[in-house]
């Protein structure tokens, strides 16, 4: 089997898929890309058994065939070859010979029959949304997912489909983000949890534009297709926590601040916080907000004052500054407001300006104040 492909075009496609491959896998074939050639079209597939990603590109080929090629050595070699047509010759023992203008490189491929099969998209339900809406939803929620594998339900984003739109929810028990898209249509009632890794891959693979994307799901898998790229992943088989019960119905005090000023103050003050809790205390009275952080072990201390608008009784409450910074980065609004009640109750962060088609709510649990 023989085919000719552009080195740069091939490298670009392989890099898009390389995030699927795990570095230290128990099955050596999972470190390979599966190449399938049919009618001058090359389909490249990568999998880690949970997530499968495939893409297509145009090539020159006289015959059809399949081969598995080790991913790392292929990408490393293509990075160092200037843009030019490369000729791939594959013999009957799956030996791969790559010929460039000035060199010849050999690598041992593997039998494609041993490559894991892709899950079949049977009995799927579909819904559509724009590419930019999906990318935005992932960006606004993914950071709040948990990395604790003992609580698998929290390691992904919860998709809650309804006739009025789609809600995306992520939580790690210390913070929660609920993002709603009112411009996405879906039949009501269904929900499922998509793992963090495939969402990260989608975020990079999808364009931030108004292309319409069809998303399909069944009881076990989630499928996304855009252009020549297709991703499928196994859904998390766990029950998502009842997040509605933790969102306070009434937080009577409202603090309104300039997002960039608040972000800057938090970044500066948090440098002096304890590196295990990142605790920053907010002291709010009248139209002044005071931020304070300290690390008693090293005698570090940081304080800043800034202007704010506040309706409510004077309040002192502490939060993890890292969480606040990530949440403030998750919105583009010029101003945000914090809805608060007591030093032990969750605070809500909402953007003052947001698009009619979206609704963002972020919740963060307070820390016990250092007295």
Protein backbone atom coordinates (compact mmCIF):
# COMPACT_ATOMS: atom_id res chain seq x y z
CA UNK A 1 0.00 0.00 0.00
CA UNK A 2 1.30 3.43 -0.92
CA UNK A 3 0.02 7.00 -0.48
CA UNK A 4 1.30 10.60 -0.72
CA UNK A 5 0.34 13.30 1.80
CA UNK A 6 1.40 16.87 2.58
CA UNK A 7 3.64 16.83 5.68
CA UNK A 8 2.16 20.01 7.21
CA UNK A 9 -1.46 19.04 6.56
CA UNK A 10 -0.84 15.59 8.07
CA UNK A 11 0.94 17.03 11.11
CA UNK A 12 -1.94 19.45 11.76
CA UNK A 13 -4.51 16.61 11.73
CA UNK A 14 -2.35 14.38 13.96
CA UNK A 15 -1.85 17.18 16.49
CA UNK A 16 -5.62 17.72 16.66
CA UNK A 17 -6.04 14.06 17.59
CA UNK A 18 -2.94 13.60 19.75
CA UNK A 19 -4.72 14.76 22.93
CA UNK A 20 -6.75 11.54 22.87
CA UNK A 21 -3.67 9.33 23.28
CA UNK A 22 -2.58 8.55 26.85
CA UNK A 23 1.19 8.51 27.39
CA UNK A 24 1.38 5.43 29.64
CA UNK A 25 -1.28 3.08 28.45
CA UNK A 26 -1.44 -0.63 29.22
CA UNK A 27 -2.31 -1.48 25.59
CA UNK A 28 0.58 -0.50 23.28
CA UNK A 29 -1.74 -0.21 20.25
CA UNK A 30 -3.52 2.72 21.95
CA UNK A 31 -0.32 4.73 21.37
CA UNK A 32 -0.93 4.38 17.62
CA UNK A 33 -2.98 6.27 15.06
CA UNK A 34 -5.16 4.11 12.83
CA UNK A 35 -4.79 5.11 9.16
CA UNK A 36 -7.61 4.06 6.82
CA UNK A 37 -7.26 4.82 3.10
CA UNK A 38 -10.18 4.75 0.73
CA UNK A 39 -10.61 6.58 -2.61
CA UNK A 40 -7.92 9.28 -2.11
CA UNK A 41 -9.19 9.96 1.39
CA UNK A 42 -7.23 9.26 4.56
CA UNK A 43 -9.18 8.77 7.79
CA UNK A 44 -7.07 9.00 10.97
CA UNK A 45 -8.42 7.60 14.25
CA UNK A 46 -7.12 7.86 17.83
CA UNK A 47 -8.65 6.29 20.95
CA UNK A 48 -8.01 5.68 24.66
CA UNK A 49 -10.96 3.20 24.85
CA UNK A 50 -13.19 5.88 26.47
CA UNK A 51 -12.88 8.58 23.79
CA UNK A 52 -12.54 8.11 20.02
CA UNK A 53 -11.66 10.95 17.67
CA UNK A 54 -11.41 10.71 13.89
CA UNK A 55 -10.66 13.16 11.10
CA UNK A 56 -10.29 13.03 7.32
CA UNK A 57 -7.93 14.58 4.79
CA UNK A 58 -7.29 14.40 1.05
CA UNK A 59 -4.28 12.39 -0.14
CA UNK A 60 -3.04 10.70 -3.32
CA UNK A 61 -3.47 6.94 -3.26
CA UNK A 62 -3.89 4.21 -5.86
CA UNK A 63 -5.18 1.54 -3.50
CA UNK A 64 -7.14 1.17 -0.26
CA UNK A 65 -5.82 -0.21 3.01
CA UNK A 66 -5.34 0.17 6.76
CA UNK A 67 -2.36 0.37 9.10
CA UNK A 68 -1.58 1.45 12.69
CA UNK A 69 1.41 3.80 13.08
CA UNK A 70 3.00 4.76 16.46
CA UNK A 71 1.85 8.29 17.26
CA UNK A 72 4.76 9.90 19.11
CA UNK A 73 7.52 9.07 16.61
CA UNK A 74 5.31 10.08 13.68
CA UNK A 75 4.46 13.50 15.16
CA UNK A 76 8.06 14.11 16.31
CA UNK A 77 9.41 13.36 12.83
CA UNK A 78 6.80 15.48 11.00
CA UNK A 79 7.56 18.47 13.24
CA UNK A 80 11.08 18.49 11.89
CA UNK A 81 10.31 17.95 8.20
CA UNK A 82 9.74 21.12 6.12
CA UNK A 83 6.42 21.33 4.27
CA UNK A 84 6.56 18.92 1.31
CA UNK A 85 4.76 15.86 -0.10
CA UNK A 86 5.73 12.67 1.76
CA UNK A 87 5.41 9.18 0.30
CA UNK A 88 4.29 6.42 2.66
CA UNK A 89 5.00 2.79 1.63
CA UNK A 90 3.46 0.07 3.79
CA UNK A 91 4.56 -3.55 3.28
CA UNK A 92 2.54 -6.68 4.09
CA UNK A 93 4.15 -6.94 7.59
CA UNK A 94 3.01 -3.35 8.36
CA UNK A 95 6.52 -1.89 8.05
CA UNK A 96 6.14 1.82 7.17
CA UNK A 97 8.72 3.62 5.01
CA UNK A 98 8.38 7.41 4.75
CA UNK A 99 10.25 9.12 1.91
CA UNK A 100 10.86 12.88 1.78
CA UNK A 101 12.86 15.01 -0.70
CA UNK A 102 16.09 14.31 1.12
CA UNK A 103 15.51 11.38 3.45
CA UNK A 104 14.03 7.99 4.12
CA UNK A 105 12.62 6.94 7.52
CA UNK A 106 11.37 3.58 8.70
CA UNK A 107 9.01 2.71 11.51
CA UNK A 108 7.26 -0.54 12.40
CA UNK A 109 3.48 -0.31 12.25
CA UNK A 110 0.94 -2.70 13.74
CA UNK A 111 -1.95 -4.81 12.53
CA UNK A 112 -5.04 -2.57 12.21
CA UNK A 113 -7.34 -5.49 13.09
CA UNK A 114 -6.13 -5.19 16.70
CA UNK A 115 -7.21 -1.54 16.94
CA UNK A 116 -10.29 -1.10 19.19
CA UNK A 117 -13.63 -0.71 17.41
CA UNK A 118 -15.51 2.57 17.55
CA UNK A 119 -18.86 2.55 19.43
CA UNK A 120 -21.88 2.37 17.12
CA UNK A 121 -24.21 5.37 17.14
CA UNK A 122 -27.35 3.28 17.67
CA UNK A 123 -30.69 4.56 19.02
CA UNK A 124 -29.38 8.09 19.37
CA UNK A 125 -31.30 11.27 20.13
CA UNK A 126 -29.97 14.46 18.58
CA UNK A 127 -30.02 18.18 19.27
CA UNK A 128 -28.32 21.12 17.57
CA UNK A 129 -26.46 24.21 18.67
CA UNK A 130 -23.89 26.53 17.17
CA UNK A 131 -20.21 25.73 17.47
CA UNK A 132 -19.48 28.95 19.40
CA UNK A 133 -22.34 28.24 21.86
CA UNK A 134 -20.88 24.80 22.66
CA UNK A 135 -17.31 26.15 22.96
CA UNK A 136 -18.54 28.96 25.26
CA UNK A 137 -20.50 26.49 27.41
CA UNK A 138 -17.39 24.28 27.79
CA UNK A 139 -15.15 27.27 28.62
CA UNK A 140 -17.55 28.58 31.25
CA UNK A 141 -18.04 25.28 33.08
CA UNK A 142 -15.07 22.95 32.59
CA UNK A 143 -12.81 24.65 35.17
CA UNK A 144 -15.31 23.86 37.96
CA UNK A 145 -15.28 20.08 37.40
CA UNK A 146 -13.68 17.88 40.06
CA UNK A 147 -10.43 15.95 39.62
CA UNK A 148 -11.43 13.48 42.36
CA UNK A 149 -11.98 10.10 40.66
CA UNK A 150 -13.67 8.79 43.80
CA UNK A 151 -16.61 11.04 42.90
CA UNK A 152 -16.93 10.28 39.17
CA UNK A 153 -20.21 12.21 38.70
CA UNK A 154 -18.40 15.47 39.44
CA UNK A 155 -15.52 14.84 37.00
CA UNK A 156 -17.63 15.87 34.01
CA UNK A 157 -20.14 18.47 32.87
CA UNK A 158 -23.84 17.75 33.39
CA UNK A 159 -25.94 18.42 30.27
CA UNK A 160 -29.57 19.11 31.22
CA UNK A 161 -31.82 19.29 28.17
CA UNK A 162 -35.08 21.18 28.23
CA UNK A 163 -37.52 22.75 25.80
CA UNK A 164 -36.47 26.23 26.96
CA UNK A 165 -32.79 25.54 26.25
CA UNK A 166 -29.85 23.54 27.57
CA UNK A 167 -28.19 23.89 30.97
CA UNK A 168 -24.55 22.95 31.55
CA UNK A 169 -23.61 22.39 35.18
CA UNK A 170 -20.23 21.65 36.77
CA UNK A 171 -19.27 21.37 40.43
CA UNK A 172 -16.45 20.06 42.63
CA UNK A 173 -18.43 20.53 45.91
CA UNK A 174 -16.58 23.80 46.69
CA UNK A 175 -17.96 25.76 43.75
CA UNK A 176 -20.63 25.34 41.13
CA UNK A 177 -21.25 26.85 37.69
CA UNK A 178 -24.62 26.73 35.91
CA UNK A 179 -24.66 28.04 32.36
CA UNK A 180 -27.84 28.10 30.32
CA UNK A 181 -28.18 28.50 26.54
CA UNK A 182 -31.68 29.59 25.57
CA UNK A 183 -30.89 29.52 21.84
CA UNK A 184 -30.21 25.75 21.70
CA UNK A 185 -33.11 23.44 20.97
CA UNK A 186 -33.54 20.07 22.65
CA UNK A 187 -36.38 17.76 23.55
CA UNK A 188 -36.95 18.10 27.29
CA UNK A 189 -36.30 15.63 30.04
CA UNK A 190 -32.96 14.04 29.16
CA UNK A 191 -29.69 14.60 30.98
CA UNK A 192 -26.23 13.02 30.98
CA UNK A 193 -22.66 13.67 32.16
CA UNK A 194 -19.86 14.17 29.61
CA UNK A 195 -16.29 13.56 30.93
CA UNK A 196 -13.75 16.37 31.14
CA UNK A 197 -11.21 14.99 28.64
CA UNK A 198 -13.44 14.84 25.51
CA UNK A 199 -14.82 18.30 26.30
CA UNK A 200 -11.27 19.63 26.48
CA UNK A 201 -10.57 18.07 23.06
CA UNK A 202 -13.77 19.57 21.60
CA UNK A 203 -12.84 23.01 22.91
CA UNK A 204 -9.66 22.89 20.81
CA UNK A 205 -11.14 21.15 17.76
CA UNK A 206 -14.27 23.26 17.23
CA UNK A 207 -14.18 26.72 15.63
CA UNK A 208 -15.60 29.68 17.55
CA UNK A 209 -18.18 30.50 14.87
CA UNK A 210 -21.87 30.05 14.02
CA UNK A 211 -21.51 26.65 12.29
CA UNK A 212 -24.42 24.46 13.29
CA UNK A 213 -23.37 21.29 15.08
CA UNK A 214 -25.46 18.18 15.60
CA UNK A 215 -24.85 16.40 18.88
CA UNK A 216 -26.12 12.83 19.36
CA UNK A 217 -26.36 10.73 22.49
CA UNK A 218 -27.69 7.39 23.65
CA UNK A 219 -27.65 5.72 27.06
CA UNK A 220 -23.87 5.10 26.96
CA UNK A 221 -22.21 7.44 24.46
CA UNK A 222 -22.06 11.03 23.23
CA UNK A 223 -21.24 11.87 19.58
CA UNK A 224 -20.23 15.21 18.05
CA UNK A 225 -19.57 15.78 14.34
CA UNK A 226 -18.20 18.94 12.75
CA UNK A 227 -16.93 18.95 9.16
CA UNK A 228 -14.43 16.12 8.79
CA UNK A 229 -13.93 15.70 12.56
CA UNK A 230 -15.98 13.34 14.68
CA UNK A 231 -15.66 12.64 18.40
CA UNK A 232 -17.41 9.99 20.45
CA UNK A 233 -17.00 9.30 24.15
CA UNK A 234 -18.43 7.13 26.86
CA UNK A 235 -20.77 9.00 29.22
CA UNK A 236 -20.12 8.94 32.98
CA UNK A 237 -22.38 6.30 34.48
CA UNK A 238 -23.17 8.03 37.77
CA UNK A 239 -25.88 10.20 39.29
CA UNK A 240 -25.14 13.93 39.24
CA UNK A 241 -25.73 15.58 42.65
CA UNK A 242 -28.97 17.55 43.09
CA UNK A 243 -27.30 20.90 42.53
CA UNK A 244 -30.54 22.93 42.82
CA UNK A 245 -30.72 22.41 46.59
CA UNK A 246 -27.37 24.14 47.21
CA UNK A 247 -28.23 27.32 45.29
CA UNK A 248 -29.52 29.80 47.90
CA UNK A 249 -32.99 31.09 47.03
CA UNK A 250 -32.46 34.37 48.86
CA UNK A 251 -29.13 36.13 49.35
CA UNK A 252 -30.26 39.61 50.45
CA UNK A 253 -26.93 41.53 50.28
CA UNK A 254 -25.62 42.62 46.90
CA UNK A 255 -22.05 43.74 46.21
CA UNK A 256 -21.35 45.21 42.74
CA UNK A 257 -17.73 45.61 41.61
CA UNK A 258 -15.74 46.29 38.46
CA UNK A 259 -14.62 42.83 37.34
CA UNK A 260 -11.12 43.79 36.16
CA UNK A 261 -10.38 45.86 39.30
CA UNK A 262 -11.60 43.06 41.57
CA UNK A 263 -9.60 40.49 39.58
CA UNK A 264 -6.42 42.60 39.83
CA UNK A 265 -6.83 43.12 43.58
CA UNK A 266 -7.43 39.40 44.16
CA UNK A 267 -4.36 38.44 42.12
CA UNK A 268 -2.14 40.86 44.06
CA UNK A 269 -3.47 40.05 47.52
CA UNK A 270 -3.62 36.25 47.02
CA UNK A 271 0.18 36.18 46.53
CA UNK A 272 0.37 36.66 50.33
CA UNK A 273 -2.26 34.02 51.19
CA UNK A 274 -1.71 30.56 52.64
CA UNK A 275 -0.82 28.26 49.72
CA UNK A 276 -3.09 25.43 50.88
CA UNK A 277 -6.30 27.47 51.31
CA UNK A 278 -5.64 30.64 49.19
CA UNK A 279 -7.89 32.39 51.69
CA UNK A 280 -8.76 36.03 51.05
CA UNK A 281 -11.10 37.80 53.50
CA UNK A 282 -13.52 40.38 52.11
CA UNK A 283 -14.54 43.12 54.53
CA UNK A 284 -17.48 45.05 53.07
CA UNK A 285 -18.85 48.23 54.57
CA UNK A 286 -20.64 51.07 52.79
CA UNK A 287 -19.01 51.72 49.44
CA UNK A 288 -15.64 50.19 50.37
CA UNK A 289 -14.38 46.66 49.94
CA UNK A 290 -11.24 45.60 51.81
CA UNK A 291 -9.33 42.47 50.75
CA UNK A 292 -6.92 40.84 53.20
CA UNK A 293 -4.75 37.72 53.00
CA UNK A 294 -2.09 36.33 55.27
CA UNK A 295 0.18 33.35 55.68
CA UNK A 296 0.95 33.07 59.40
CA UNK A 297 3.72 30.50 58.87
CA UNK A 298 5.82 32.97 56.85
CA UNK A 299 4.49 36.25 58.32
CA UNK A 300 3.17 37.28 54.88
CA UNK A 301 0.34 39.77 54.73
CA UNK A 302 -1.45 41.62 51.92
CA UNK A 303 -4.24 44.23 52.10
CA UNK A 304 -6.05 46.31 49.48
CA UNK A 305 -9.01 48.66 49.41
CA UNK A 306 -11.30 49.29 46.47
CA UNK A 307 -14.55 51.09 45.68
CA UNK A 308 -17.77 49.11 45.36
CA UNK A 309 -21.54 49.43 45.49
CA UNK A 310 -23.10 47.53 48.36
CA UNK A 311 -26.63 47.09 49.65
CA UNK A 312 -26.67 45.28 52.95
CA UNK A 313 -25.27 45.09 56.46
CA UNK A 314 -21.51 45.23 57.02
CA UNK A 315 -20.07 41.79 56.33
CA UNK A 316 -16.81 39.92 56.63
CA UNK A 317 -16.56 36.73 54.57
CA UNK A 318 -13.63 34.67 53.25
CA UNK A 319 -13.23 32.76 49.98
CA UNK A 320 -10.58 30.76 48.13
CA UNK A 321 -9.02 33.46 45.89
CA UNK A 322 -8.07 30.91 43.23
CA UNK A 323 -11.73 29.94 42.81
CA UNK A 324 -12.84 33.58 42.63
CA UNK A 325 -10.19 34.37 40.00
CA UNK A 326 -11.22 31.40 37.82
CA UNK A 327 -14.88 32.41 38.10
CA UNK A 328 -14.24 36.04 37.23
CA UNK A 329 -12.22 34.87 34.22
CA UNK A 330 -15.28 32.88 33.16
CA UNK A 331 -17.28 35.99 32.28
CA UNK A 332 -16.59 38.99 30.05
CA UNK A 333 -18.99 41.35 31.82
CA UNK A 334 -17.50 44.73 32.81
CA UNK A 335 -19.15 44.51 36.23
CA UNK A 336 -20.19 41.54 38.34
CA UNK A 337 -22.31 41.30 41.43
CA UNK A 338 -21.92 39.02 44.41
CA UNK A 339 -25.08 38.02 46.26
CA UNK A 340 -24.24 37.26 49.90
CA UNK A 341 -26.02 36.60 53.19
CA UNK A 342 -23.89 35.36 56.13
CA UNK A 343 -20.18 34.42 56.47
CA UNK A 344 -21.09 30.71 56.39
CA UNK A 345 -23.48 30.67 53.42
CA UNK A 346 -22.56 30.25 49.75
CA UNK A 347 -22.02 33.40 47.70
CA UNK A 348 -23.40 33.79 44.17
CA UNK A 349 -21.49 35.56 41.39
CA UNK A 350 -23.42 36.83 38.37
CA UNK A 351 -22.39 39.04 35.44
CA UNK A 352 -24.18 42.41 35.29
CA UNK A 353 -24.22 42.35 31.45
CA UNK A 354 -24.98 39.17 29.61
CA UNK A 355 -26.38 38.15 26.25
CA UNK A 356 -30.14 37.53 26.00
CA UNK A 357 -29.48 33.96 24.87
CA UNK A 358 -27.39 32.99 27.90
CA UNK A 359 -27.64 32.91 31.67
CA UNK A 360 -24.63 32.37 33.94
CA UNK A 361 -24.68 31.68 37.67
CA UNK A 362 -21.59 30.82 39.70
CA UNK A 363 -21.65 29.67 43.32
CA UNK A 364 -18.70 29.54 45.70
CA UNK A 365 -18.59 28.17 49.25
CA UNK A 366 -17.00 30.43 51.90
CA UNK A 367 -14.01 29.48 54.06
CA UNK A 368 -13.87 29.72 57.83
CA UNK A 369 -12.45 33.12 58.71
CA UNK A 370 -9.00 33.23 60.34
CA UNK A 371 -9.53 35.13 63.55
